[in-house]
N, C-alpha and C. Protein backbone atom coordinates (compact mmCIF):
# COMPACT_ATOMS: atom_id res chain seq x y z
N MET A 1 61.84 -91.48 49.45
CA MET A 1 61.93 -92.62 50.32
C MET A 1 60.92 -93.68 49.86
N PRO A 2 61.41 -94.83 49.39
CA PRO A 2 60.52 -95.86 48.87
C PRO A 2 59.71 -96.55 49.97
N ILE A 3 58.41 -96.72 49.69
CA ILE A 3 57.51 -97.42 50.59
C ILE A 3 57.14 -98.74 49.92
N THR A 4 57.30 -99.84 50.66
CA THR A 4 56.91 -101.14 50.14
C THR A 4 55.90 -101.77 51.09
N ILE A 5 54.98 -102.52 50.52
CA ILE A 5 54.01 -103.29 51.30
C ILE A 5 54.15 -104.72 50.82
N THR A 6 54.56 -105.61 51.72
CA THR A 6 54.80 -106.99 51.32
C THR A 6 54.06 -107.97 52.22
N PRO A 7 53.59 -109.07 51.63
CA PRO A 7 52.98 -110.11 52.47
C PRO A 7 54.06 -110.72 53.36
N GLU A 8 53.68 -111.01 54.58
CA GLU A 8 54.67 -111.53 55.52
C GLU A 8 53.96 -112.32 56.60
N ARG A 9 54.57 -113.37 57.05
CA ARG A 9 54.01 -114.11 58.18
C ARG A 9 54.07 -113.23 59.43
N PRO A 10 53.05 -113.29 60.27
CA PRO A 10 53.05 -112.46 61.48
C PRO A 10 54.08 -112.88 62.51
N ASP A 11 54.75 -114.01 62.32
CA ASP A 11 55.75 -114.45 63.28
C ASP A 11 57.18 -114.12 62.87
N THR A 12 57.34 -113.24 61.88
CA THR A 12 58.68 -112.77 61.54
C THR A 12 59.09 -111.72 62.56
N PRO A 13 60.39 -111.48 62.73
CA PRO A 13 60.82 -110.50 63.74
C PRO A 13 60.20 -109.10 63.54
N ASP A 14 60.17 -108.59 62.30
CA ASP A 14 59.60 -107.26 62.07
C ASP A 14 58.12 -107.22 62.39
N ALA A 15 57.38 -108.24 61.97
CA ALA A 15 55.94 -108.28 62.23
C ALA A 15 55.67 -108.36 63.73
N MET A 16 56.42 -109.20 64.44
CA MET A 16 56.21 -109.33 65.88
C MET A 16 56.57 -108.05 66.61
N LEU A 17 57.61 -107.35 66.16
CA LEU A 17 57.97 -106.06 66.75
C LEU A 17 56.80 -105.07 66.62
N LEU A 18 56.21 -105.00 65.44
CA LEU A 18 55.11 -104.07 65.19
C LEU A 18 53.88 -104.44 66.02
N ILE A 19 53.56 -105.72 66.08
CA ILE A 19 52.40 -106.17 66.86
C ILE A 19 52.62 -105.89 68.35
N ASP A 20 53.85 -106.11 68.83
CA ASP A 20 54.15 -105.81 70.24
C ASP A 20 54.01 -104.31 70.52
N GLU A 21 54.47 -103.47 69.61
CA GLU A 21 54.31 -102.01 69.79
C GLU A 21 52.84 -101.63 69.83
N LEU A 22 52.04 -102.23 68.95
CA LEU A 22 50.60 -101.95 68.94
C LEU A 22 49.99 -102.36 70.28
N GLU A 23 50.32 -103.54 70.77
CA GLU A 23 49.80 -103.98 72.07
C GLU A 23 50.20 -103.01 73.17
N GLY A 24 51.43 -102.51 73.11
CA GLY A 24 51.90 -101.55 74.10
C GLY A 24 51.11 -100.25 74.08
N GLU A 25 50.66 -99.85 72.89
CA GLU A 25 49.84 -98.64 72.79
C GLU A 25 48.42 -98.87 73.31
N LEU A 26 47.88 -100.06 73.09
CA LEU A 26 46.49 -100.32 73.46
C LEU A 26 46.30 -100.71 74.92
N SER A 27 47.25 -101.42 75.49
CA SER A 27 47.04 -101.99 76.82
C SER A 27 46.73 -100.97 77.91
N PRO A 28 47.28 -99.74 77.89
CA PRO A 28 46.91 -98.80 78.96
C PRO A 28 45.44 -98.33 78.89
N TYR A 29 44.81 -98.48 77.73
CA TYR A 29 43.46 -97.94 77.53
C TYR A 29 42.34 -98.95 77.66
N TYR A 30 42.67 -100.23 77.46
CA TYR A 30 41.60 -101.23 77.37
C TYR A 30 41.91 -102.45 78.23
N PRO A 31 40.92 -102.92 78.99
CA PRO A 31 41.12 -104.18 79.71
C PRO A 31 41.22 -105.33 78.71
N VAL A 32 41.74 -106.43 79.14
CA VAL A 32 41.96 -107.58 78.26
C VAL A 32 40.67 -107.98 77.53
N GLU A 33 39.55 -107.97 78.24
CA GLU A 33 38.29 -108.41 77.61
C GLU A 33 37.81 -107.46 76.51
N SER A 34 38.37 -106.26 76.43
CA SER A 34 37.99 -105.31 75.38
C SER A 34 39.09 -105.15 74.33
N ARG A 35 40.08 -106.00 74.37
CA ARG A 35 41.12 -106.00 73.33
C ARG A 35 40.88 -107.22 72.45
N HIS A 36 40.45 -106.96 71.24
CA HIS A 36 40.01 -108.04 70.35
C HIS A 36 41.05 -108.41 69.31
N GLY A 37 42.23 -107.82 69.39
CA GLY A 37 43.28 -108.13 68.42
C GLY A 37 43.78 -109.55 68.57
N TYR A 38 44.05 -110.19 67.46
CA TYR A 38 44.55 -111.56 67.48
C TYR A 38 46.02 -111.59 67.90
N SER A 39 46.38 -112.65 68.60
CA SER A 39 47.78 -112.92 68.89
C SER A 39 48.46 -113.35 67.59
N VAL A 40 49.78 -113.39 67.60
CA VAL A 40 50.51 -113.83 66.42
C VAL A 40 50.07 -115.24 66.02
N SER A 41 49.98 -116.14 66.99
CA SER A 41 49.59 -117.51 66.66
C SER A 41 48.18 -117.58 66.11
N ARG A 42 47.29 -116.75 66.62
CA ARG A 42 45.91 -116.78 66.10
C ARG A 42 45.83 -116.17 64.70
N LEU A 43 46.63 -115.15 64.42
CA LEU A 43 46.68 -114.61 63.06
C LEU A 43 47.04 -115.72 62.08
N ILE A 44 48.01 -116.54 62.46
CA ILE A 44 48.43 -117.64 61.59
C ILE A 44 47.34 -118.71 61.52
N GLU A 45 46.82 -119.12 62.66
CA GLU A 45 45.78 -120.17 62.71
C GLU A 45 44.55 -119.78 61.88
N GLN A 46 44.18 -118.50 61.93
CA GLN A 46 42.98 -118.03 61.24
C GLN A 46 43.23 -117.68 59.77
N GLY A 47 44.46 -117.82 59.32
CA GLY A 47 44.76 -117.57 57.91
C GLY A 47 44.65 -116.11 57.52
N VAL A 48 44.95 -115.21 58.44
CA VAL A 48 44.88 -113.78 58.15
C VAL A 48 45.99 -113.42 57.16
N ALA A 49 45.61 -112.76 56.07
CA ALA A 49 46.61 -112.26 55.12
C ALA A 49 47.26 -111.05 55.77
N PHE A 50 48.55 -111.14 56.03
CA PHE A 50 49.24 -110.13 56.82
C PHE A 50 50.30 -109.45 55.97
N PHE A 51 50.46 -108.14 56.17
CA PHE A 51 51.38 -107.35 55.37
C PHE A 51 52.20 -106.42 56.27
N VAL A 52 53.44 -106.20 55.89
CA VAL A 52 54.31 -105.25 56.59
C VAL A 52 54.67 -104.14 55.62
N VAL A 53 54.56 -102.91 56.12
CA VAL A 53 54.94 -101.72 55.35
C VAL A 53 56.34 -101.33 55.79
N ARG A 54 57.18 -101.06 54.81
CA ARG A 54 58.54 -100.60 55.12
C ARG A 54 58.80 -99.29 54.39
N VAL A 55 59.53 -98.41 55.06
CA VAL A 55 59.99 -97.16 54.48
C VAL A 55 61.51 -97.25 54.48
N ASP A 56 62.12 -97.21 53.31
CA ASP A 56 63.58 -97.39 53.22
C ASP A 56 64.04 -98.61 54.00
N GLN A 57 63.34 -99.72 53.84
CA GLN A 57 63.67 -101.01 54.47
C GLN A 57 63.37 -101.07 55.97
N THR A 58 62.92 -99.96 56.57
CA THR A 58 62.61 -99.93 58.00
C THR A 58 61.14 -100.27 58.21
N PRO A 59 60.81 -101.22 59.10
CA PRO A 59 59.40 -101.53 59.33
C PRO A 59 58.66 -100.31 59.88
N ALA A 60 57.61 -99.92 59.17
CA ALA A 60 56.86 -98.72 59.52
C ALA A 60 55.44 -99.03 59.98
N GLY A 61 54.91 -100.16 59.60
CA GLY A 61 53.55 -100.49 59.97
C GLY A 61 53.17 -101.87 59.50
N CYS A 62 51.95 -102.26 59.87
CA CYS A 62 51.46 -103.57 59.49
C CYS A 62 49.94 -103.57 59.48
N GLY A 63 49.41 -104.60 58.91
CA GLY A 63 47.97 -104.79 58.91
C GLY A 63 47.63 -106.07 58.20
N GLY A 64 46.46 -106.56 58.50
CA GLY A 64 46.02 -107.78 57.87
C GLY A 64 44.54 -107.73 57.56
N VAL A 65 44.11 -108.72 56.82
CA VAL A 65 42.69 -108.86 56.53
C VAL A 65 42.33 -110.34 56.62
N GLN A 66 41.27 -110.58 57.38
CA GLN A 66 40.74 -111.93 57.50
C GLN A 66 39.48 -112.02 56.67
N LEU A 67 39.48 -112.95 55.72
CA LEU A 67 38.31 -113.11 54.86
C LEU A 67 37.32 -114.03 55.55
N SER A 68 36.08 -113.56 55.64
CA SER A 68 35.01 -114.32 56.27
C SER A 68 34.12 -114.86 55.17
N GLY A 69 34.47 -116.04 54.70
CA GLY A 69 33.73 -116.62 53.57
C GLY A 69 33.78 -115.68 52.40
N LYS A 70 32.65 -115.45 51.79
CA LYS A 70 32.55 -114.47 50.69
C LYS A 70 31.74 -113.26 51.13
N GLU A 71 31.53 -113.13 52.47
CA GLU A 71 30.71 -112.03 52.99
C GLU A 71 31.48 -110.73 53.17
N TYR A 72 32.62 -110.80 53.86
CA TYR A 72 33.37 -109.57 54.15
C TYR A 72 34.80 -109.92 54.53
N GLY A 73 35.64 -108.89 54.46
CA GLY A 73 36.99 -108.97 54.99
C GLY A 73 37.04 -108.11 56.24
N GLU A 74 37.79 -108.57 57.23
CA GLU A 74 37.92 -107.80 58.47
C GLU A 74 39.37 -107.36 58.65
N LEU A 75 39.56 -106.07 58.86
CA LEU A 75 40.90 -105.56 59.14
C LEU A 75 41.37 -106.10 60.48
N LYS A 76 42.65 -106.47 60.52
CA LYS A 76 43.25 -107.00 61.73
C LYS A 76 44.62 -106.36 61.92
N ARG A 77 44.92 -105.97 63.14
CA ARG A 77 46.24 -105.51 63.54
C ARG A 77 46.81 -104.38 62.69
N MET A 78 45.94 -103.43 62.36
CA MET A 78 46.34 -102.25 61.59
C MET A 78 47.14 -101.33 62.51
N TYR A 79 48.36 -100.98 62.08
CA TYR A 79 49.24 -100.17 62.93
C TYR A 79 50.29 -99.48 62.09
N VAL A 80 50.53 -98.21 62.41
CA VAL A 80 51.66 -97.46 61.85
C VAL A 80 52.43 -96.87 63.02
N ARG A 81 53.72 -97.06 63.02
CA ARG A 81 54.57 -96.56 64.10
C ARG A 81 54.47 -95.04 64.19
N PRO A 82 54.52 -94.48 65.40
CA PRO A 82 54.34 -93.03 65.57
C PRO A 82 55.26 -92.18 64.70
N GLN A 83 56.51 -92.56 64.54
CA GLN A 83 57.45 -91.75 63.76
C GLN A 83 57.14 -91.74 62.27
N PHE A 84 56.22 -92.62 61.82
CA PHE A 84 55.86 -92.67 60.40
C PHE A 84 54.46 -92.14 60.13
N ARG A 85 53.77 -91.71 61.16
CA ARG A 85 52.41 -91.21 60.98
C ARG A 85 52.44 -89.85 60.30
N GLY A 86 51.35 -89.52 59.62
CA GLY A 86 51.25 -88.25 58.93
C GLY A 86 51.84 -88.28 57.53
N ARG A 87 52.22 -89.46 57.05
CA ARG A 87 52.82 -89.59 55.72
C ARG A 87 51.93 -90.36 54.74
N ARG A 88 50.68 -90.58 55.12
CA ARG A 88 49.70 -91.29 54.31
C ARG A 88 50.02 -92.78 54.13
N ILE A 89 50.85 -93.30 55.02
CA ILE A 89 51.19 -94.72 54.97
C ILE A 89 49.97 -95.57 55.30
N ALA A 90 49.21 -95.16 56.30
CA ALA A 90 48.01 -95.92 56.69
C ALA A 90 47.01 -95.97 55.54
N GLU A 91 46.86 -94.87 54.81
CA GLU A 91 45.95 -94.85 53.67
C GLU A 91 46.41 -95.83 52.59
N GLN A 92 47.73 -95.85 52.34
CA GLN A 92 48.26 -96.78 51.35
C GLN A 92 48.04 -98.23 51.78
N LEU A 93 48.23 -98.50 53.05
CA LEU A 93 48.01 -99.85 53.57
C LEU A 93 46.53 -100.21 53.47
N LEU A 94 45.65 -99.30 53.83
CA LEU A 94 44.21 -99.56 53.70
C LEU A 94 43.83 -99.86 52.25
N ASP A 95 44.37 -99.07 51.31
CA ASP A 95 44.10 -99.32 49.89
C ASP A 95 44.58 -100.72 49.50
N HIS A 96 45.74 -101.11 50.00
CA HIS A 96 46.30 -102.42 49.69
C HIS A 96 45.39 -103.53 50.24
N LEU A 97 44.94 -103.37 51.49
CA LEU A 97 44.07 -104.37 52.10
C LEU A 97 42.71 -104.43 51.40
N ALA A 98 42.21 -103.29 50.99
CA ALA A 98 40.95 -103.26 50.24
C ALA A 98 41.11 -103.97 48.91
N ALA A 99 42.21 -103.73 48.22
CA ALA A 99 42.46 -104.39 46.92
C ALA A 99 42.59 -105.90 47.12
N TYR A 100 43.27 -106.32 48.16
CA TYR A 100 43.40 -107.74 48.45
C TYR A 100 42.00 -108.35 48.65
N THR A 101 41.18 -107.66 49.40
CA THR A 101 39.82 -108.15 49.67
C THR A 101 39.03 -108.25 48.37
N GLN A 102 39.08 -107.21 47.55
CA GLN A 102 38.37 -107.22 46.28
C GLN A 102 38.88 -108.30 45.34
N ASN A 103 40.19 -108.52 45.34
CA ASN A 103 40.76 -109.56 44.49
C ASN A 103 40.30 -110.95 44.89
N ASN A 104 39.73 -111.06 46.08
CA ASN A 104 39.14 -112.31 46.54
C ASN A 104 37.62 -112.29 46.42
N ALA A 105 37.11 -111.41 45.55
CA ALA A 105 35.68 -111.32 45.22
C ALA A 105 34.80 -110.96 46.42
N ILE A 106 35.34 -110.13 47.32
CA ILE A 106 34.58 -109.65 48.47
C ILE A 106 34.55 -108.13 48.40
N ASN A 107 33.37 -107.57 48.57
CA ASN A 107 33.19 -106.13 48.40
C ASN A 107 32.78 -105.39 49.66
N LEU A 108 33.05 -105.98 50.82
CA LEU A 108 32.73 -105.32 52.08
C LEU A 108 33.91 -105.51 53.02
N LEU A 109 34.38 -104.40 53.60
CA LEU A 109 35.49 -104.42 54.53
C LEU A 109 34.97 -103.92 55.87
N ARG A 110 35.24 -104.66 56.94
CA ARG A 110 34.76 -104.30 58.28
C ARG A 110 35.94 -104.20 59.25
N LEU A 111 35.68 -103.53 60.39
CA LEU A 111 36.71 -103.42 61.41
C LEU A 111 36.09 -103.15 62.76
N GLU A 112 36.88 -103.46 63.77
CA GLU A 112 36.59 -103.08 65.15
C GLU A 112 37.82 -102.35 65.64
N THR A 113 37.61 -101.21 66.29
CA THR A 113 38.70 -100.48 66.91
C THR A 113 38.21 -99.93 68.24
N GLY A 114 39.11 -99.38 69.00
CA GLY A 114 38.75 -98.87 70.32
C GLY A 114 38.34 -97.42 70.28
N ILE A 115 37.49 -97.03 71.22
CA ILE A 115 36.98 -95.66 71.27
C ILE A 115 38.08 -94.63 71.53
N HIS A 116 39.19 -95.05 72.11
CA HIS A 116 40.27 -94.12 72.40
C HIS A 116 41.22 -93.93 71.21
N GLN A 117 41.01 -94.66 70.15
CA GLN A 117 41.85 -94.56 68.95
C GLN A 117 41.25 -93.52 68.00
N GLN A 118 41.15 -92.28 68.49
CA GLN A 118 40.48 -91.24 67.72
C GLN A 118 41.15 -90.93 66.39
N ALA A 119 42.47 -90.94 66.34
CA ALA A 119 43.16 -90.70 65.07
C ALA A 119 42.83 -91.81 64.07
N ALA A 120 42.78 -93.04 64.55
CA ALA A 120 42.44 -94.16 63.67
C ALA A 120 41.01 -94.04 63.18
N ILE A 121 40.11 -93.68 64.06
CA ILE A 121 38.70 -93.53 63.67
C ILE A 121 38.56 -92.44 62.60
N ARG A 122 39.25 -91.32 62.80
CA ARG A 122 39.21 -90.25 61.78
C ARG A 122 39.79 -90.74 60.45
N LEU A 123 40.87 -91.51 60.49
CA LEU A 123 41.45 -92.09 59.28
C LEU A 123 40.42 -92.96 58.57
N TYR A 124 39.79 -93.85 59.30
CA TYR A 124 38.81 -94.75 58.69
C TYR A 124 37.65 -93.95 58.09
N GLU A 125 37.20 -92.92 58.77
CA GLU A 125 36.11 -92.08 58.22
C GLU A 125 36.55 -91.41 56.93
N ARG A 126 37.78 -90.86 56.91
CA ARG A 126 38.29 -90.23 55.68
C ARG A 126 38.39 -91.23 54.54
N CYS A 127 38.59 -92.47 54.87
CA CYS A 127 38.76 -93.52 53.86
C CYS A 127 37.44 -94.20 53.52
N GLY A 128 36.33 -93.62 53.95
CA GLY A 128 35.02 -94.11 53.51
C GLY A 128 34.33 -95.10 54.42
N PHE A 129 34.88 -95.37 55.59
CA PHE A 129 34.21 -96.27 56.54
C PHE A 129 33.10 -95.51 57.26
N THR A 130 32.02 -96.21 57.53
CA THR A 130 30.89 -95.65 58.26
C THR A 130 30.58 -96.54 59.47
N PRO A 131 29.96 -95.96 60.49
CA PRO A 131 29.63 -96.75 61.68
C PRO A 131 28.71 -97.92 61.34
N SER A 132 28.92 -99.01 62.04
CA SER A 132 28.06 -100.19 61.90
C SER A 132 27.94 -100.81 63.27
N GLY A 133 27.20 -101.86 63.36
CA GLY A 133 27.08 -102.57 64.62
C GLY A 133 28.08 -103.72 64.69
N PRO A 134 28.06 -104.43 65.81
CA PRO A 134 28.92 -105.60 65.93
C PRO A 134 28.63 -106.61 64.82
N PHE A 135 29.64 -107.37 64.46
CA PHE A 135 29.51 -108.37 63.40
C PHE A 135 30.27 -109.62 63.83
N GLY A 136 30.01 -110.71 63.13
CA GLY A 136 30.70 -111.95 63.46
C GLY A 136 30.50 -112.32 64.91
N ALA A 137 31.59 -112.63 65.60
CA ALA A 137 31.52 -113.05 67.00
C ALA A 137 31.53 -111.87 67.98
N TYR A 138 31.65 -110.65 67.47
CA TYR A 138 31.68 -109.48 68.35
C TYR A 138 30.32 -109.26 69.00
N ARG A 139 30.36 -108.69 70.19
CA ARG A 139 29.16 -108.28 70.90
C ARG A 139 29.33 -106.81 71.25
N ASP A 140 28.24 -106.15 71.61
CA ASP A 140 28.34 -104.75 72.02
C ASP A 140 29.39 -104.61 73.12
N ASP A 141 30.23 -103.62 72.98
CA ASP A 141 31.26 -103.33 73.98
C ASP A 141 31.37 -101.81 74.02
N PRO A 142 31.17 -101.18 75.16
CA PRO A 142 31.22 -99.72 75.22
C PRO A 142 32.58 -99.14 74.84
N LEU A 143 33.62 -99.97 74.77
CA LEU A 143 34.95 -99.50 74.40
C LEU A 143 35.28 -99.76 72.93
N SER A 144 34.32 -100.32 72.19
CA SER A 144 34.55 -100.66 70.79
C SER A 144 33.76 -99.77 69.84
N VAL A 145 34.35 -99.55 68.68
CA VAL A 145 33.69 -98.88 67.56
C VAL A 145 33.74 -99.88 66.39
N PHE A 146 32.62 -100.08 65.74
CA PHE A 146 32.53 -100.98 64.59
C PHE A 146 32.25 -100.13 63.36
N MET A 147 32.97 -100.43 62.28
CA MET A 147 32.82 -99.65 61.04
C MET A 147 32.89 -100.60 59.85
N GLU A 148 32.37 -100.11 58.72
CA GLU A 148 32.46 -100.88 57.49
C GLU A 148 32.54 -99.97 56.29
N ARG A 149 33.04 -100.53 55.21
CA ARG A 149 33.17 -99.79 53.96
C ARG A 149 32.81 -100.70 52.81
N GLN A 150 31.87 -100.27 52.01
CA GLN A 150 31.51 -101.00 50.80
C GLN A 150 32.58 -100.73 49.76
N LEU A 151 33.11 -101.78 49.16
CA LEU A 151 34.12 -101.64 48.13
C LEU A 151 33.45 -101.73 46.77
N SER A 152 34.01 -101.10 45.79
CA SER A 152 33.47 -101.16 44.44
C SER A 152 33.57 -102.56 43.91
N ALA A 153 32.58 -102.97 43.17
CA ALA A 153 32.62 -104.31 42.56
C ALA A 153 33.77 -104.35 41.55
N VAL A 154 34.47 -105.46 41.56
CA VAL A 154 35.63 -105.62 40.67
C VAL A 154 35.15 -105.90 39.26
């Protein structure tokens, strides 16, 4: 089954479907003030490089990276649909986002996720992310986990 990762605007039907599913998973666990994911319009406004993963042409996941100057890239809207989990799709997407970041001469990747996203946290740890503190505009939030990964110099 072929897996493809392609750049895509977040306002395409497949991207919006995936982002809506992600919101549906997060909303029962976090109040609005603790959900830091960008809306579709903000992803576009902020110039987030956004990608959709497809398995046999079916949208399976998505994720983006926002470059913050030359300091770091921040993962945004990382999601794999439940029926596609356990197939290493998230790892492939993370590798793709890391390569995109490195190709832009940035060697640090950061993220914020929620404390209830234990599978995601374990994935990030397996992929070399370590705990960090809030960065950028983030502030301490008891429902947030902040992580970062140093990328190899290109």
